[in-house]
Amino acid sequence: MTSKRSFFRKTHPSPQRAKSIPNQNLPSDSYNMERILGTTK
């Protein structure tokens, strides 16, 4: 249950948390992380 809830929070962040995330319109967090890591390299 806790893992499902944490996964739901990751996929559906709260409005306040979403404001801190620049690219929240991307398909998934993994894609977002890959893009961030790709741009920093």
N, C-alpha and C. Protein backbone atom coordinates (compact mmCIF):
# COMPACT_ATOMS: atom_id res chain seq x y z
N MET A 1 0.84 -1.21 0.00
CA MET A 1 0.00 0.00 0.00
C MET A 1 0.88 1.26 0.00
N THR A 2 1.90 1.26 0.83
CA THR A 2 2.75 2.46 0.91
C THR A 2 3.49 2.68 -0.40
N SER A 3 3.94 1.58 -1.03
CA SER A 3 4.66 1.72 -2.29
C SER A 3 3.74 2.29 -3.37
N LYS A 4 2.49 1.83 -3.37
CA LYS A 4 1.52 2.35 -4.34
C LYS A 4 1.28 3.84 -4.10
N ARG A 5 1.17 4.21 -2.84
CA ARG A 5 0.90 5.61 -2.52
C ARG A 5 2.08 6.49 -2.93
N SER A 6 3.31 6.02 -2.65
CA SER A 6 4.49 6.80 -3.02
C SER A 6 4.59 6.91 -4.54
N PHE A 7 4.25 5.82 -5.23
CA PHE A 7 4.28 5.85 -6.70
C PHE A 7 3.23 6.83 -7.22
N PHE A 8 2.07 6.84 -6.59
CA PHE A 8 1.01 7.77 -7.00
C PHE A 8 1.46 9.21 -6.77
N ARG A 9 2.16 9.43 -5.65
CA ARG A 9 2.64 10.79 -5.37
C ARG A 9 3.68 11.21 -6.40
N LYS A 10 4.53 10.25 -6.81
CA LYS A 10 5.56 10.58 -7.80
C LYS A 10 4.92 10.92 -9.15
N THR A 11 3.88 10.16 -9.52
CA THR A 11 3.25 10.39 -10.82
C THR A 11 2.28 11.57 -10.75
N HIS A 12 1.72 11.82 -9.56
CA HIS A 12 0.78 12.92 -9.40
C HIS A 12 1.25 13.82 -8.26
N PRO A 13 2.23 14.68 -8.51
CA PRO A 13 2.74 15.56 -7.46
C PRO A 13 1.70 16.61 -7.04
N SER A 14 1.85 17.10 -5.84
CA SER A 14 0.92 18.11 -5.35
C SER A 14 1.19 19.44 -6.07
N PRO A 15 0.20 20.32 -6.12
CA PRO A 15 0.35 21.61 -6.82
C PRO A 15 1.58 22.39 -6.35
N GLN A 16 1.81 22.44 -5.04
CA GLN A 16 2.96 23.18 -4.53
C GLN A 16 4.26 22.56 -5.01
N ARG A 17 4.31 21.24 -5.02
CA ARG A 17 5.52 20.55 -5.47
C ARG A 17 5.68 20.69 -6.98
N ALA A 18 4.56 20.72 -7.69
CA ALA A 18 4.61 20.83 -9.15
C ALA A 18 5.22 22.16 -9.57
N LYS A 19 5.00 23.20 -8.76
CA LYS A 19 5.55 24.52 -9.09
C LYS A 19 7.08 24.47 -9.10
N SER A 20 7.67 23.67 -8.21
CA SER A 20 9.13 23.60 -8.13
C SER A 20 9.70 22.77 -9.27
N ILE A 21 8.86 21.94 -9.90
CA ILE A 21 9.33 21.11 -11.01
C ILE A 21 9.18 21.89 -12.32
N PRO A 22 10.29 22.18 -13.00
CA PRO A 22 10.23 22.98 -14.23
C PRO A 22 9.54 22.24 -15.38
N ASN A 23 9.90 20.97 -15.58
CA ASN A 23 9.33 20.21 -16.70
C ASN A 23 8.31 19.20 -16.17
N GLN A 24 7.12 19.68 -15.81
CA GLN A 24 6.11 18.77 -15.26
C GLN A 24 5.19 18.26 -16.37
N ASN A 25 5.35 18.78 -17.59
CA ASN A 25 4.48 18.35 -18.69
C ASN A 25 5.07 17.17 -19.45
N LEU A 26 6.25 16.70 -19.02
CA LEU A 26 6.88 15.57 -19.71
C LEU A 26 6.12 14.28 -19.40
N PRO A 27 6.23 13.27 -20.26
CA PRO A 27 5.48 12.02 -20.10
C PRO A 27 5.73 11.35 -18.75
N SER A 28 7.00 11.26 -18.31
CA SER A 28 7.28 10.54 -17.08
C SER A 28 8.49 11.15 -16.37
N ASP A 29 8.64 10.84 -15.07
CA ASP A 29 9.77 11.36 -14.30
C ASP A 29 11.08 10.78 -14.81
N SER A 30 11.06 9.51 -15.23
CA SER A 30 12.28 8.87 -15.72
C SER A 30 12.77 9.60 -16.97
N TYR A 31 11.86 9.95 -17.85
CA TYR A 31 12.23 10.69 -19.06
C TYR A 31 12.76 12.07 -18.68
N ASN A 32 12.14 12.67 -17.67
CA ASN A 32 12.56 13.98 -17.20
C ASN A 32 13.98 13.91 -16.65
N MET A 33 14.25 12.88 -15.83
CA MET A 33 15.58 12.72 -15.25
C MET A 33 16.61 12.48 -16.35
N GLU A 34 16.26 11.65 -17.33
CA GLU A 34 17.19 11.36 -18.42
C GLU A 34 17.51 12.63 -19.20
N ARG A 35 16.51 13.46 -19.38
CA ARG A 35 16.73 14.70 -20.13
C ARG A 35 17.61 15.65 -19.32
N ILE A 36 17.36 15.74 -18.00
CA ILE A 36 18.16 16.62 -17.15
C ILE A 36 19.61 16.14 -17.13
N LEU A 37 19.80 14.83 -16.94
CA LEU A 37 21.16 14.28 -16.92
C LEU A 37 21.83 14.46 -18.27
N GLY A 38 21.06 14.32 -19.33
CA GLY A 38 21.62 14.46 -20.68
C GLY A 38 22.07 15.89 -20.94
N THR A 39 21.32 16.87 -20.42
CA THR A 39 21.67 18.27 -20.66
C THR A 39 22.86 18.68 -19.80
N THR A 40 22.99 18.09 -18.62
CA THR A 40 24.09 18.47 -17.73
C THR A 40 25.41 17.87 -18.21
N LYS A 41 25.36 16.73 -18.90
CA LYS A 41 26.60 16.08 -19.34
C LYS A 41 27.28 16.88 -20.44
